[in-house]
Amino acid sequence: MVSEVIVSMFDAQGGLLEEGTAKLHDNDIDWVCTTQKQHASISGRREAEDKLRVSASDLPGNKSEREAVMA
């Protein structure tokens, strides 16, 4: 069972734009993370290779990460 989900957004140069903890949705299946501000490099310039990384942990402490380019 997943106990924590961390979402990180990076710009094309690898700089951290924002990081936050996702909240478990009311349906007890999906996790939702809302950005705290609008990021210019993400909102309008899709040619840049901005990245999104999601890290999920479970109660025993196992961790899984996935990273995707937002293009």
N, C-alpha and C. Protein backbone atom coordinates (compact mmCIF):
# COMPACT_ATOMS: atom_id res chain seq x y z
N MET A 1 0.85 -1.18 0.00
CA MET A 1 0.00 0.00 0.00
C MET A 1 0.89 1.24 0.00
N VAL A 2 0.61 2.16 -0.90
CA VAL A 2 1.38 3.40 -1.00
C VAL A 2 1.04 4.29 0.19
N SER A 3 2.08 4.82 0.82
CA SER A 3 1.88 5.68 1.98
C SER A 3 2.23 7.15 1.71
N GLU A 4 3.07 7.39 0.68
CA GLU A 4 3.46 8.77 0.38
C GLU A 4 3.86 8.88 -1.09
N VAL A 5 3.47 10.00 -1.71
CA VAL A 5 3.85 10.29 -3.08
C VAL A 5 4.41 11.71 -3.13
N ILE A 6 5.63 11.84 -3.66
CA ILE A 6 6.30 13.14 -3.81
C ILE A 6 6.40 13.44 -5.30
N VAL A 7 6.00 14.63 -5.71
CA VAL A 7 6.06 15.05 -7.10
C VAL A 7 7.07 16.20 -7.21
N SER A 8 8.01 16.08 -8.15
CA SER A 8 9.03 17.11 -8.37
C SER A 8 9.00 17.54 -9.83
N MET A 9 9.10 18.85 -10.07
CA MET A 9 9.16 19.39 -11.43
C MET A 9 10.51 20.06 -11.62
N PHE A 10 11.14 19.76 -12.77
CA PHE A 10 12.46 20.29 -13.08
C PHE A 10 12.43 21.00 -14.42
N ASP A 11 13.22 22.07 -14.55
CA ASP A 11 13.33 22.73 -15.85
C ASP A 11 14.29 21.95 -16.73
N ALA A 12 14.47 22.41 -17.98
CA ALA A 12 15.29 21.69 -18.95
C ALA A 12 16.75 21.57 -18.52
N GLN A 13 17.22 22.48 -17.66
CA GLN A 13 18.60 22.42 -17.18
C GLN A 13 18.75 21.56 -15.92
N GLY A 14 17.66 21.00 -15.44
CA GLY A 14 17.70 20.15 -14.26
C GLY A 14 17.46 20.88 -12.95
N GLY A 15 17.16 22.18 -13.02
CA GLY A 15 16.88 22.94 -11.80
C GLY A 15 15.50 22.62 -11.25
N LEU A 16 15.41 22.45 -9.95
CA LEU A 16 14.13 22.14 -9.31
C LEU A 16 13.22 23.35 -9.35
N LEU A 17 12.05 23.21 -9.96
CA LEU A 17 11.06 24.28 -10.02
C LEU A 17 10.13 24.24 -8.81
N GLU A 18 9.71 23.03 -8.48
CA GLU A 18 8.77 22.88 -7.37
C GLU A 18 8.73 21.42 -6.95
N GLU A 19 8.45 21.19 -5.68
CA GLU A 19 8.33 19.84 -5.17
C GLU A 19 7.24 19.85 -4.10
N GLY A 20 6.43 18.81 -4.09
CA GLY A 20 5.37 18.75 -3.10
C GLY A 20 4.87 17.35 -2.87
N THR A 21 4.16 17.18 -1.80
CA THR A 21 3.57 15.90 -1.43
C THR A 21 2.17 15.81 -2.00
N ALA A 22 1.89 14.73 -2.71
CA ALA A 22 0.55 14.51 -3.24
C ALA A 22 -0.37 14.05 -2.11
N LYS A 23 -1.65 14.30 -2.31
CA LYS A 23 -2.67 13.88 -1.34
C LYS A 23 -3.51 12.77 -1.96
N LEU A 24 -3.88 11.81 -1.16
CA LEU A 24 -4.74 10.73 -1.63
C LEU A 24 -6.13 11.28 -1.92
N HIS A 25 -6.62 11.02 -3.13
CA HIS A 25 -7.94 11.49 -3.56
C HIS A 25 -9.03 10.81 -2.74
N ASP A 26 -10.20 11.40 -2.74
CA ASP A 26 -11.34 10.84 -2.01
C ASP A 26 -11.71 9.44 -2.45
N ASN A 27 -11.34 9.06 -3.68
CA ASN A 27 -11.68 7.71 -4.17
C ASN A 27 -10.72 6.65 -3.63
N ASP A 28 -9.73 7.07 -2.83
CA ASP A 28 -8.75 6.17 -2.22
C ASP A 28 -7.92 5.37 -3.23
N ILE A 29 -7.82 5.88 -4.47
CA ILE A 29 -7.03 5.23 -5.51
C ILE A 29 -6.00 6.19 -6.08
N ASP A 30 -6.47 7.35 -6.51
CA ASP A 30 -5.63 8.33 -7.18
C ASP A 30 -4.95 9.26 -6.18
N TRP A 31 -3.77 9.75 -6.57
CA TRP A 31 -3.04 10.74 -5.80
C TRP A 31 -3.02 12.04 -6.59
N VAL A 32 -3.20 13.18 -5.91
CA VAL A 32 -3.31 14.47 -6.57
C VAL A 32 -2.30 15.44 -5.96
N CYS A 33 -1.57 16.13 -6.84
CA CYS A 33 -0.62 17.15 -6.40
C CYS A 33 -0.89 18.41 -7.22
N THR A 34 -1.07 19.53 -6.56
CA THR A 34 -1.35 20.80 -7.21
C THR A 34 -0.16 21.72 -7.04
N THR A 35 0.28 22.34 -8.14
CA THR A 35 1.39 23.27 -8.05
C THR A 35 0.98 24.51 -7.26
N GLN A 36 1.94 25.15 -6.64
CA GLN A 36 1.68 26.32 -5.83
C GLN A 36 1.77 27.61 -6.63
N LYS A 37 2.41 27.54 -7.81
CA LYS A 37 2.49 28.71 -8.69
C LYS A 37 2.63 28.25 -10.12
N GLN A 38 2.40 29.18 -11.07
CA GLN A 38 2.55 28.86 -12.48
C GLN A 38 4.01 29.04 -12.87
N HIS A 39 4.52 28.08 -13.62
CA HIS A 39 5.92 28.13 -14.03
C HIS A 39 6.00 28.42 -15.52
N ALA A 40 6.65 29.52 -15.89
CA ALA A 40 6.72 29.95 -17.29
C ALA A 40 7.32 28.88 -18.19
N SER A 41 8.36 28.20 -17.72
CA SER A 41 9.01 27.22 -18.58
C SER A 41 8.13 26.01 -18.84
N ILE A 42 7.15 25.78 -18.00
CA ILE A 42 6.27 24.63 -18.19
C ILE A 42 4.99 25.03 -18.92
N SER A 43 4.44 26.19 -18.60
CA SER A 43 3.12 26.55 -19.10
C SER A 43 3.07 26.89 -20.58
N GLY A 44 4.12 27.46 -21.15
CA GLY A 44 3.98 27.91 -22.52
C GLY A 44 5.02 27.41 -23.49
N ARG A 45 6.12 26.88 -23.01
CA ARG A 45 7.24 26.53 -23.87
C ARG A 45 7.43 25.02 -23.90
N ARG A 46 6.68 24.31 -24.66
CA ARG A 46 6.75 22.86 -24.67
C ARG A 46 7.97 22.31 -25.39
N GLU A 47 8.73 23.15 -26.10
CA GLU A 47 9.92 22.62 -26.78
C GLU A 47 11.04 22.30 -25.79
N ALA A 48 11.00 22.90 -24.64
CA ALA A 48 12.01 22.62 -23.61
C ALA A 48 11.73 21.24 -23.01
N GLU A 49 12.76 20.60 -22.52
CA GLU A 49 12.60 19.27 -21.94
C GLU A 49 12.46 19.34 -20.43
N ASP A 50 11.38 19.97 -19.99
CA ASP A 50 11.06 20.01 -18.57
C ASP A 50 10.70 18.59 -18.13
N LYS A 51 10.99 18.25 -16.87
CA LYS A 51 10.76 16.89 -16.39
C LYS A 51 9.86 16.87 -15.17
N LEU A 52 9.16 15.78 -15.03
CA LEU A 52 8.31 15.52 -13.89
C LEU A 52 8.78 14.20 -13.29
N ARG A 53 9.06 14.19 -11.99
CA ARG A 53 9.48 12.98 -11.30
C ARG A 53 8.47 12.68 -10.19
N VAL A 54 8.03 11.44 -10.13
CA VAL A 54 7.10 10.99 -9.10
C VAL A 54 7.77 9.88 -8.31
N SER A 55 7.79 10.04 -7.01
CA SER A 55 8.39 9.06 -6.11
C SER A 55 7.32 8.57 -5.14
N ALA A 56 7.10 7.27 -5.13
CA ALA A 56 6.09 6.67 -4.25
C ALA A 56 6.77 5.75 -3.24
N SER A 57 6.32 5.84 -1.99
CA SER A 57 6.85 4.99 -0.92
C SER A 57 5.71 4.22 -0.28
N ASP A 58 6.02 3.03 0.22
CA ASP A 58 5.01 2.26 0.94
C ASP A 58 5.38 2.16 2.42
N LEU A 59 4.52 1.52 3.19
CA LEU A 59 4.72 1.46 4.64
C LEU A 59 6.00 0.73 5.07
N PRO A 60 6.43 -0.35 4.39
CA PRO A 60 7.69 -0.97 4.77
C PRO A 60 8.92 -0.15 4.39
N GLY A 61 8.73 0.93 3.60
CA GLY A 61 9.85 1.78 3.24
C GLY A 61 10.40 1.58 1.83
N ASN A 62 9.74 0.72 1.05
CA ASN A 62 10.15 0.55 -0.35
C ASN A 62 9.83 1.83 -1.12
N LYS A 63 10.65 2.13 -2.13
CA LYS A 63 10.47 3.36 -2.88
C LYS A 63 10.59 3.07 -4.37
N SER A 64 9.73 3.72 -5.15
CA SER A 64 9.77 3.60 -6.61
C SER A 64 9.70 5.00 -7.21
N GLU A 65 10.51 5.25 -8.23
CA GLU A 65 10.51 6.56 -8.89
C GLU A 65 10.29 6.38 -10.38
N ARG A 66 9.58 7.34 -10.95
CA ARG A 66 9.40 7.41 -12.41
C ARG A 66 9.62 8.85 -12.81
N GLU A 67 10.26 9.03 -13.96
CA GLU A 67 10.54 10.37 -14.47
C GLU A 67 10.09 10.42 -15.93
N ALA A 68 9.48 11.54 -16.32
CA ALA A 68 9.01 11.71 -17.69
C ALA A 68 9.33 13.11 -18.17
N VAL A 69 9.67 13.22 -19.46
CA VAL A 69 9.89 14.52 -20.08
C VAL A 69 8.53 15.07 -20.48
N MET A 70 8.27 16.30 -20.13
CA MET A 70 7.02 16.95 -20.51
C MET A 70 7.26 17.71 -21.81
N ALA A 71 6.90 17.09 -22.90
CA ALA A 71 7.15 17.71 -24.21
C ALA A 71 5.87 17.92 -24.95
